[in-house]
C-alpha atoms as a PDB file:
ATOM      1  CA  UNK A   1     -15.474  20.297   0.293  1.00  0.00           C
ATOM      2  CA  UNK A   2     -14.824  23.537   2.152  1.00  0.00           C
ATOM      3  CA  UNK A   3     -13.935  23.520   5.828  1.00  0.00           C
ATOM      4  CA  UNK A   4     -15.600  25.281   8.735  1.00  0.00           C
ATOM      5  CA  UNK A   5     -13.980  26.248  12.044  1.00  0.00           C
ATOM      6  CA  UNK A   6     -13.826  23.499  14.674  1.00  0.00           C
ATOM      7  CA  UNK A   7     -16.923  23.552  16.852  1.00  0.00           C
ATOM      8  CA  UNK A   8     -17.055  23.578  20.631  1.00  0.00           C
ATOM      9  CA  UNK A   9     -18.150  20.330  22.247  1.00  0.00           C
ATOM     10  CA  UNK A  10     -21.517  21.802  23.251  1.00  0.00           C
ATOM     11  CA  UNK A  11     -22.193  23.077  19.713  1.00  0.00           C
ATOM     12  CA  UNK A  12     -21.226  19.697  18.277  1.00  0.00           C
ATOM     13  CA  UNK A  13     -23.680  17.906  20.553  1.00  0.00           C
ATOM     14  CA  UNK A  14     -26.424  20.335  19.576  1.00  0.00           C
ATOM     15  CA  UNK A  15     -25.790  19.732  15.863  1.00  0.00           C
ATOM     16  CA  UNK A  16     -25.687  15.978  16.422  1.00  0.00           C
ATOM     17  CA  UNK A  17     -29.139  16.070  17.984  1.00  0.00           C
ATOM     18  CA  UNK A  18     -30.474  18.073  15.046  1.00  0.00           C
ATOM     19  CA  UNK A  19     -28.777  15.798  12.513  1.00  0.00           C
ATOM     20  CA  UNK A  20     -30.271  12.699  14.123  1.00  0.00           C
ATOM     21  CA  UNK A  21     -33.679  14.336  13.762  1.00  0.00           C
ATOM     22  CA  UNK A  22     -33.100  14.646  10.028  1.00  0.00           C
ATOM     23  CA  UNK A  23     -31.696  18.155   9.792  1.00  0.00           C
ATOM     24  CA  UNK A  24     -29.439  18.023   6.711  1.00  0.00           C
ATOM     25  CA  UNK A  25     -28.096  21.518   7.347  1.00  0.00           C
ATOM     26  CA  UNK A  26     -26.842  20.407  10.766  1.00  0.00           C
ATOM     27  CA  UNK A  27     -25.308  17.262   9.247  1.00  0.00           C
ATOM     28  CA  UNK A  28     -23.531  19.335   6.601  1.00  0.00           C
ATOM     29  CA  UNK A  29     -22.204  21.698   9.284  1.00  0.00           C
ATOM     30  CA  UNK A  30     -20.822  18.733  11.244  1.00  0.00           C
ATOM     31  CA  UNK A  31     -19.078  17.344   8.184  1.00  0.00           C
ATOM     32  CA  UNK A  32     -17.546  20.710   7.270  1.00  0.00           C
ATOM     33  CA  UNK A  33     -16.337  21.365  10.807  1.00  0.00           C
ATOM     34  CA  UNK A  34     -14.678  17.944  10.991  1.00  0.00           C
ATOM     35  CA  UNK A  35     -13.193  17.701   7.487  1.00  0.00           C
ATOM     36  CA  UNK A  36      -9.827  18.806   8.879  1.00  0.00           C
ATOM     37  CA  UNK A  37      -9.941  15.745  11.148  1.00  0.00           C
ATOM     38  CA  UNK A  38     -10.561  13.541   8.115  1.00  0.00           C
ATOM     39  CA  UNK A  39      -7.618  15.090   6.251  1.00  0.00           C
ATOM     40  CA  UNK A  40      -5.303  14.593   9.213  1.00  0.00           C
ATOM     41  CA  UNK A  41      -6.162  10.878   9.242  1.00  0.00           C
ATOM     42  CA  UNK A  42      -5.861  10.573   5.450  1.00  0.00           C
ATOM     43  CA  UNK A  43      -2.218  11.721   5.607  1.00  0.00           C
ATOM     44  CA  UNK A  44      -1.322   8.342   7.129  1.00  0.00           C
ATOM     45  CA  UNK A  45      -2.602   6.519   4.059  1.00  0.00           C
ATOM     46  CA  UNK A  46      -1.263   8.559   1.130  1.00  0.00           C
ATOM     47  CA  UNK A  47       1.176   7.091  -1.439  1.00  0.00           C
ATOM     48  CA  UNK A  48      -0.733   3.814  -1.591  1.00  0.00           C
ATOM     49  CA  UNK A  49      -2.044   4.057  -5.116  1.00  0.00           C
ATOM     50  CA  UNK A  50      -5.176   6.088  -4.294  1.00  0.00           C
ATOM     51  CA  UNK A  51      -5.575   9.802  -4.949  1.00  0.00           C
ATOM     52  CA  UNK A  52      -5.612  12.095  -1.919  1.00  0.00           C
ATOM     53  CA  UNK A  53      -9.022  13.574  -2.774  1.00  0.00           C
ATOM     54  CA  UNK A  54     -10.485  10.081  -3.132  1.00  0.00           C
ATOM     55  CA  UNK A  55      -9.203   9.137   0.318  1.00  0.00           C
ATOM     56  CA  UNK A  56     -10.756  12.305   1.734  1.00  0.00           C
ATOM     57  CA  UNK A  57     -14.083  11.282   0.211  1.00  0.00           C
ATOM     58  CA  UNK A  58     -13.797   7.783   1.676  1.00  0.00           C
ATOM     59  CA  UNK A  59     -12.837   9.221   5.058  1.00  0.00           C
ATOM     60  CA  UNK A  60     -15.819  11.570   4.861  1.00  0.00           C
ATOM     61  CA  UNK A  61     -18.071   8.537   4.462  1.00  0.00           C
ATOM     62  CA  UNK A  62     -16.655   7.244   7.719  1.00  0.00           C
ATOM     63  CA  UNK A  63     -17.334  10.630   9.273  1.00  0.00           C
ATOM     64  CA  UNK A  64     -20.980  10.467   8.176  1.00  0.00           C
ATOM     65  CA  UNK A  65     -21.244   6.979   9.672  1.00  0.00           C
ATOM     66  CA  UNK A  66     -19.857   8.356  12.917  1.00  0.00           C
ATOM     67  CA  UNK A  67     -22.526  11.081  12.873  1.00  0.00           C
ATOM     68  CA  UNK A  68     -25.248   8.505  12.270  1.00  0.00           C
ATOM     69  CA  UNK A  69     -24.020   6.041  14.899  1.00  0.00           C
ATOM     70  CA  UNK A  70     -22.902   8.372  17.668  1.00  0.00           C
ATOM     71  CA  UNK A  71     -24.755   7.878  20.953  1.00  0.00           C
ATOM     72  CA  UNK A  72     -24.933  10.516  23.650  1.00  0.00           C
ATOM     73  CA  UNK A  73     -24.573   7.685  26.158  1.00  0.00           C
ATOM     74  CA  UNK A  74     -20.936   7.212  25.074  1.00  0.00           C
ATOM     75  CA  UNK A  75     -19.869  10.229  27.148  1.00  0.00           C
ATOM     76  CA  UNK A  76     -16.934  10.910  24.803  1.00  0.00           C
ATOM     77  CA  UNK A  77     -16.195  13.780  22.470  1.00  0.00           C
ATOM     78  CA  UNK A  78     -17.473  13.238  18.964  1.00  0.00           C
ATOM     79  CA  UNK A  79     -13.990  13.598  17.460  1.00  0.00           C
ATOM     80  CA  UNK A  80     -12.705  10.807  19.733  1.00  0.00           C
ATOM     81  CA  UNK A  81     -15.500   8.530  18.553  1.00  0.00           C
ATOM     82  CA  UNK A  82     -15.109   9.523  14.901  1.00  0.00           C
ATOM     83  CA  UNK A  83     -11.369   8.821  14.502  1.00  0.00           C
ATOM     84  CA  UNK A  84     -11.577   4.974  14.437  1.00  0.00           C
ATOM     85  CA  UNK A  85     -14.693   5.154  12.234  1.00  0.00           C
ATOM     86  CA  UNK A  86     -12.900   7.307   9.670  1.00  0.00           C
ATOM     87  CA  UNK A  87      -9.711   5.233   9.739  1.00  0.00           C
ATOM     88  CA  UNK A  88     -11.705   2.006   9.523  1.00  0.00           C
ATOM     89  CA  UNK A  89     -13.539   3.181   6.418  1.00  0.00           C
ATOM     90  CA  UNK A  90     -10.262   4.049   4.706  1.00  0.00           C
ATOM     91  CA  UNK A  91      -8.658   0.740   5.697  1.00  0.00           C
ATOM     92  CA  UNK A  92     -11.615  -1.258   4.387  1.00  0.00           C
ATOM     93  CA  UNK A  93     -11.449   0.587   1.084  1.00  0.00           C
ATOM     94  CA  UNK A  94      -7.722  -0.037   0.723  1.00  0.00           C
ATOM     95  CA  UNK A  95      -8.182  -3.658   1.724  1.00  0.00           C
ATOM     96  CA  UNK A  96     -10.926  -4.275  -0.848  1.00  0.00           C
ATOM     97  CA  UNK A  97      -9.774  -2.028  -3.701  1.00  0.00           C
ATOM     98  CA  UNK A  98      -6.124  -1.286  -3.054  1.00  0.00           C
ATOM     99  CA  UNK A  99      -4.527  -4.380  -4.556  1.00  0.00           C
ATOM    100  CA  UNK A 100      -1.498  -3.843  -6.760  1.00  0.00           C
ATOM    101  CA  UNK A 101      -2.454  -3.540 -10.413  1.00  0.00           C
ATOM    102  CA  UNK A 102      -0.154  -5.489 -12.729  1.00  0.00           C
ATOM    103  CA  UNK A 103       0.421  -4.007 -16.178  1.00  0.00           C
ATOM    104  CA  UNK A 104      -0.875  -5.859 -19.230  1.00  0.00           C
ATOM    105  CA  UNK A 105       2.653  -6.290 -20.626  1.00  0.00           C
ATOM    106  CA  UNK A 106       3.834  -7.862 -17.367  1.00  0.00           C
ATOM    107  CA  UNK A 107       0.809 -10.173 -17.335  1.00  0.00           C
ATOM    108  CA  UNK A 108       1.573 -11.268 -20.890  1.00  0.00           C
ATOM    109  CA  UNK A 109       5.243 -11.863 -20.066  1.00  0.00           C
ATOM    110  CA  UNK A 110       4.169 -13.734 -16.951  1.00  0.00           C
ATOM    111  CA  UNK A 111       2.098 -16.170 -19.032  1.00  0.00           C
ATOM    112  CA  UNK A 112       4.944 -16.669 -21.493  1.00  0.00           C
ATOM    113  CA  UNK A 113       7.466 -17.160 -18.675  1.00  0.00           C
ATOM    114  CA  UNK A 114       5.350 -19.781 -16.911  1.00  0.00           C
ATOM    115  CA  UNK A 115       4.775 -21.647 -20.181  1.00  0.00           C
ATOM    116  CA  UNK A 116       8.501 -21.554 -20.974  1.00  0.00           C
ATOM    117  CA  UNK A 117       9.347 -22.662 -17.447  1.00  0.00           C
ATOM    118  CA  UNK A 118       7.080 -25.700 -17.744  1.00  0.00           C
ATOM    119  CA  UNK A 119       8.339 -26.515 -21.239  1.00  0.00           C
ATOM    120  CA  UNK A 120      12.013 -26.281 -20.264  1.00  0.00           C
ATOM    121  CA  UNK A 121      11.502 -28.229 -17.045  1.00  0.00           C
ATOM    122  CA  UNK A 122      10.027 -31.129 -18.992  1.00  0.00           C
ATOM    123  CA  UNK A 123      12.851 -30.961 -21.527  1.00  0.00           C
ATOM    124  CA  UNK A 124      15.652 -30.694 -18.943  1.00  0.00           C
ATOM    125  CA  UNK A 125      14.188 -33.053 -16.364  1.00  0.00           C
ATOM    126  CA  UNK A 126      14.594 -30.424 -13.637  1.00  0.00           C
ATOM    127  CA  UNK A 127      13.273 -27.006 -12.749  1.00  0.00           C
ATOM    128  CA  UNK A 128      14.309 -24.421 -15.314  1.00  0.00           C
ATOM    129  CA  UNK A 129      16.572 -21.611 -14.122  1.00  0.00           C
ATOM    130  CA  UNK A 130      15.761 -17.951 -14.523  1.00  0.00           C
ATOM    131  CA  UNK A 131      18.613 -17.471 -16.978  1.00  0.00           C
ATOM    132  CA  UNK A 132      17.401 -20.364 -19.128  1.00  0.00           C
ATOM    133  CA  UNK A 133      13.879 -18.954 -19.271  1.00  0.00           C
ATOM    134  CA  UNK A 134      15.293 -15.540 -20.169  1.00  0.00           C
ATOM    135  CA  UNK A 135      17.320 -17.016 -23.051  1.00  0.00           C
ATOM    136  CA  UNK A 136      14.296 -18.996 -24.250  1.00  0.00           C
ATOM    137  CA  UNK A 137      12.166 -15.836 -24.434  1.00  0.00           C
ATOM    138  CA  UNK A 138      14.954 -13.446 -25.397  1.00  0.00           C
ATOM    139  CA  UNK A 139      14.404 -11.044 -22.505  1.00  0.00           C
ATOM    140  CA  UNK A 140      16.411  -9.817 -19.528  1.00  0.00           C
ATOM    141  CA  UNK A 141      16.629 -12.035 -16.434  1.00  0.00           C
ATOM    142  CA  UNK A 142      15.302  -9.183 -14.279  1.00  0.00           C
ATOM    143  CA  UNK A 143      12.140  -9.078 -16.412  1.00  0.00           C
ATOM    144  CA  UNK A 144      11.602 -12.810 -15.898  1.00  0.00           C
ATOM    145  CA  UNK A 145      11.982 -12.407 -12.134  1.00  0.00           C
ATOM    146  CA  UNK A 146       9.391  -9.631 -12.085  1.00  0.00           C
ATOM    147  CA  UNK A 147       7.006 -11.574 -14.321  1.00  0.00           C
ATOM    148  CA  UNK A 148       7.141 -14.717 -12.190  1.00  0.00           C
ATOM    149  CA  UNK A 149       6.772 -12.683  -9.005  1.00  0.00           C
ATOM    150  CA  UNK A 150       3.703 -10.970 -10.455  1.00  0.00           C
ATOM    151  CA  UNK A 151       2.148 -14.358 -11.165  1.00  0.00           C
ATOM    152  CA  UNK A 152       2.428 -15.559  -7.594  1.00  0.00           C
ATOM    153  CA  UNK A 153      -0.666 -15.259  -5.399  1.00  0.00           C
ATOM    154  CA  UNK A 154      -0.141 -12.764  -2.623  1.00  0.00           C
ATOM    155  CA  UNK A 155      -1.970 -11.357   0.369  1.00  0.00           C
ATOM    156  CA  UNK A 156      -2.994  -7.750   0.492  1.00  0.00           C
ATOM    157  CA  UNK A 157      -1.201  -5.669   3.085  1.00  0.00           C
ATOM    158  CA  UNK A 158      -4.621  -4.353   4.008  1.00  0.00           C
ATOM    159  CA  UNK A 159      -6.216  -7.708   4.892  1.00  0.00           C
ATOM    160  CA  UNK A 160      -7.289  -8.044   8.536  1.00  0.00           C
ATOM    161  CA  UNK A 161      -4.369  -9.349  10.545  1.00  0.00           C
ATOM    162  CA  UNK A 162      -6.573 -11.317  12.957  1.00  0.00           C
ATOM    163  CA  UNK A 163      -9.799 -11.951  11.058  1.00  0.00           C
ATOM    164  CA  UNK A 164     -12.642  -9.765   9.854  1.00  0.00           C
ATOM    165  CA  UNK A 165     -13.605  -8.821  13.407  1.00  0.00           C
ATOM    166  CA  UNK A 166     -10.578  -6.550  13.801  1.00  0.00           C
ATOM    167  CA  UNK A 167      -9.544  -3.281  12.164  1.00  0.00           C
ATOM    168  CA  UNK A 168      -5.860  -4.197  12.471  1.00  0.00           C
ATOM    169  CA  UNK A 169      -4.335  -4.869   9.037  1.00  0.00           C
ATOM    170  CA  UNK A 170      -1.265  -6.868   8.071  1.00  0.00           C
ATOM    171  CA  UNK A 171       0.563  -3.662   7.219  1.00  0.00           C
ATOM    172  CA  UNK A 172       0.034  -2.470  10.792  1.00  0.00           C
ATOM    173  CA  UNK A 173       1.962  -5.518  12.006  1.00  0.00           C
ATOM    174  CA  UNK A 174       4.967  -5.105   9.728  1.00  0.00           C
ATOM    175  CA  UNK A 175       8.024  -4.129  11.690  1.00  0.00           C
ATOM    176  CA  UNK A 176      10.126  -1.171  10.633  1.00  0.00           C
ATOM    177  CA  UNK A 177      12.845  -1.411   8.017  1.00  0.00           C
ATOM    178  CA  UNK A 178      16.349  -1.188   9.408  1.00  0.00           C
ATOM    179  CA  UNK A 179      19.269   0.696   7.912  1.00  0.00           C
ATOM    180  CA  UNK A 180      20.962  -2.368   6.477  1.00  0.00           C
ATOM    181  CA  UNK A 181      18.118  -3.612   4.330  1.00  0.00           C
ATOM    182  CA  UNK A 182      14.787  -5.302   4.289  1.00  0.00           C
ATOM    183  CA  UNK A 183      13.727  -7.801   6.927  1.00  0.00           C
ATOM    184  CA  UNK A 184      12.112 -11.140   6.132  1.00  0.00           C
ATOM    185  CA  UNK A 185       8.524  -9.955   6.447  1.00  0.00           C
ATOM    186  CA  UNK A 186       9.109  -7.044   4.121  1.00  0.00           C
ATOM    187  CA  UNK A 187      10.917  -9.276   1.611  1.00  0.00           C
ATOM    188  CA  UNK A 188       7.847 -11.476   1.392  1.00  0.00           C
ATOM    189  CA  UNK A 189       5.118  -8.837   1.532  1.00  0.00           C
ATOM    190  CA  UNK A 190       6.268  -5.283   1.029  1.00  0.00           C
ATOM    191  CA  UNK A 191       8.483  -5.912  -2.007  1.00  0.00           C
ATOM    192  CA  UNK A 192       5.683  -7.738  -3.797  1.00  0.00           C
ATOM    193  CA  UNK A 193       3.274  -4.906  -3.106  1.00  0.00           C
ATOM    194  CA  UNK A 194       5.534  -1.943  -3.799  1.00  0.00           C
ATOM    195  CA  UNK A 195       8.201  -3.011  -6.280  1.00  0.00           C
ATOM    196  CA  UNK A 196       5.907  -2.586  -9.281  1.00  0.00           C
ATOM    197  CA  UNK A 197       5.650   1.123  -8.423  1.00  0.00           C
ATOM    198  CA  UNK A 198       9.409   1.697  -8.722  1.00  0.00           C
ATOM    199  CA  UNK A 199      11.110   3.279 -11.703  1.00  0.00           C
ATOM    200  CA  UNK A 200      12.713   0.727 -14.075  1.00  0.00           C
ATOM    201  CA  UNK A 201      16.252   1.495 -12.883  1.00  0.00           C
ATOM    202  CA  UNK A 202      15.190   1.337  -9.242  1.00  0.00           C
ATOM    203  CA  UNK A 203      13.435  -1.958  -9.887  1.00  0.00           C
ATOM    204  CA  UNK A 204      16.531  -3.372 -11.576  1.00  0.00           C
ATOM    205  CA  UNK A 205      18.676  -2.435  -8.578  1.00  0.00           C
ATOM    206  CA  UNK A 206      16.278  -4.116  -6.141  1.00  0.00           C
ATOM    207  CA  UNK A 207      16.134  -7.245  -8.283  1.00  0.00           C
ATOM    208  CA  UNK A 208      19.927  -7.439  -8.438  1.00  0.00           C
ATOM    209  CA  UNK A 209      20.393  -6.828  -4.717  1.00  0.00           C
ATOM    210  CA  UNK A 210      17.484  -8.790  -3.220  1.00  0.00           C
ATOM    211  CA  UNK A 211      16.477 -11.388  -5.807  1.00  0.00           C
ATOM    212  CA  UNK A 212      19.883 -12.223  -7.269  1.00  0.00           C
ATOM    213  CA  UNK A 213      21.853 -11.459  -4.083  1.00  0.00           C
ATOM    214  CA  UNK A 214      24.412  -9.328  -5.885  1.00  0.00           C
ATOM    215  CA  UNK A 215      26.820  -7.215  -3.854  1.00  0.00           C
ATOM    216  CA  UNK A 216      26.773  -3.454  -4.239  1.00  0.00           C
ATOM    217  CA  UNK A 217      30.019  -3.681  -6.219  1.00  0.00           C
ATOM    218  CA  UNK A 218      28.565  -6.298  -8.602  1.00  0.00           C
ATOM    219  CA  UNK A 219      25.364  -4.274  -8.933  1.00  0.00           C
ATOM    220  CA  UNK A 220      27.392  -1.151  -9.707  1.00  0.00           C
ATOM    221  CA  UNK A 221      29.223  -2.982 -12.488  1.00  0.00           C
ATOM    222  CA  UNK A 222      25.933  -4.141 -14.024  1.00  0.00           C
ATOM    223  CA  UNK A 223      24.350  -0.686 -13.841  1.00  0.00           C
ATOM    224  CA  UNK A 224      27.490   1.108 -14.969  1.00  0.00           C
ATOM    225  CA  UNK A 225      27.752   3.320 -11.897  1.00  0.00           C
ATOM    226  CA  UNK A 226      29.966   3.504  -8.839  1.00  0.00           C
ATOM    227  CA  UNK A 227      29.475   1.467  -5.668  1.00  0.00           C
ATOM    228  CA  UNK A 228      28.859   4.703  -3.771  1.00  0.00           C
ATOM    229  CA  UNK A 229      26.049   5.615  -6.175  1.00  0.00           C
ATOM    230  CA  UNK A 230      24.487   2.185  -5.700  1.00  0.00           C
ATOM    231  CA  UNK A 231      24.647   2.563  -1.945  1.00  0.00           C
ATOM    232  CA  UNK A 232      22.993   5.987  -2.044  1.00  0.00           C
ATOM    233  CA  UNK A 233      20.344   4.910  -4.531  1.00  0.00           C
ATOM    234  CA  UNK A 234      19.567   1.749  -2.577  1.00  0.00           C
ATOM    235  CA  UNK A 235      19.071   3.741   0.618  1.00  0.00           C
ATOM    236  CA  UNK A 236      16.818   6.161  -1.258  1.00  0.00           C
ATOM    237  CA  UNK A 237      14.708   3.330  -2.694  1.00  0.00           C
ATOM    238  CA  UNK A 238      14.304   1.589   0.659  1.00  0.00           C
ATOM    239  CA  UNK A 239      13.266   4.860   2.273  1.00  0.00           C
ATOM    240  CA  UNK A 240      10.792   5.441  -0.548  1.00  0.00           C
ATOM    241  CA  UNK A 241       9.273   2.008   0.015  1.00  0.00           C
ATOM    242  CA  UNK A 242       9.231   2.446   3.769  1.00  0.00           C
ATOM    243  CA  UNK A 243       7.439   5.788   3.459  1.00  0.00           C
ATOM    244  CA  UNK A 244       4.895   4.236   1.093  1.00  0.00           C
ATOM    245  CA  UNK A 245       4.160   1.524   3.663  1.00  0.00           C
ATOM    246  CA  UNK A 246       3.463   3.924   6.514  1.00  0.00           C
END
C-alpha cells in the first residue's frame, strides 16, 4: 500500500467525519496517510517468525478499527488514539498465531525419545539419562535434549501477562538479558521459543553451555574451536536472541 503525506489534525478530523458517514475515499485517504505510523509500530515486532508485509497488513487492520471506533469526544489526536489499537492488533495476532512451529523430524524424534525414555526407565528402575536415551536411539545427546524440550508444553510469549483484559504480554514483562548470560526467566521461556530458530551450530553451543552446563573451554573442545571463538559466538547468539525478543 502506497503512503500519503501526513495530514494536519484538522484535515484528519474532516476525513474521519466523512469516513464515519460511509465515504470509502476518505477512509482510504486516512489509511494511506497513517501507513507510516503502522510501519513504525511494526518495527518493534519484526524477527518473530512473521513476514514484515504481513505485520503491516495486520497493523493496518488495527488502523481501520481505530478509524471506525474513534470518537470526537476523546479530544485527542487520531494518531495518539490509533497507536495502542494498532499495537494491540499485532500483539493479538502474534499471541494467537505466533507459536513456535516444530519441524516434523523433531516431532518424530520427540516421540521416539519419549518412548525410549519410558522403556529405559522401566528397565533400569530409575529415570533414564539423556546419554542413555541417545545411545538407545543412536543419535547425538544434543538432539535428544532438543527433542524432549520440544515435547514439553510451553506458554506463548505473547499470552496476556495479567489475563485477557490487558494488552500486556508475557514478553513485555521479561527483563533484559545481561552480559554474562541468560537470566532464569529467559532460560525457561525465551530459549524454548527462540532456540529452534538458531543455526545447528549455534543450537549445539547453546545446548552445551545452558543445558549441559559446559564451560567455554569444554564447549570449545567439543566444537573444535578456540575458547575465544566460543566466547564471541556465544555473545553473538545471545544478542541475536535478545534482538528477536524485543
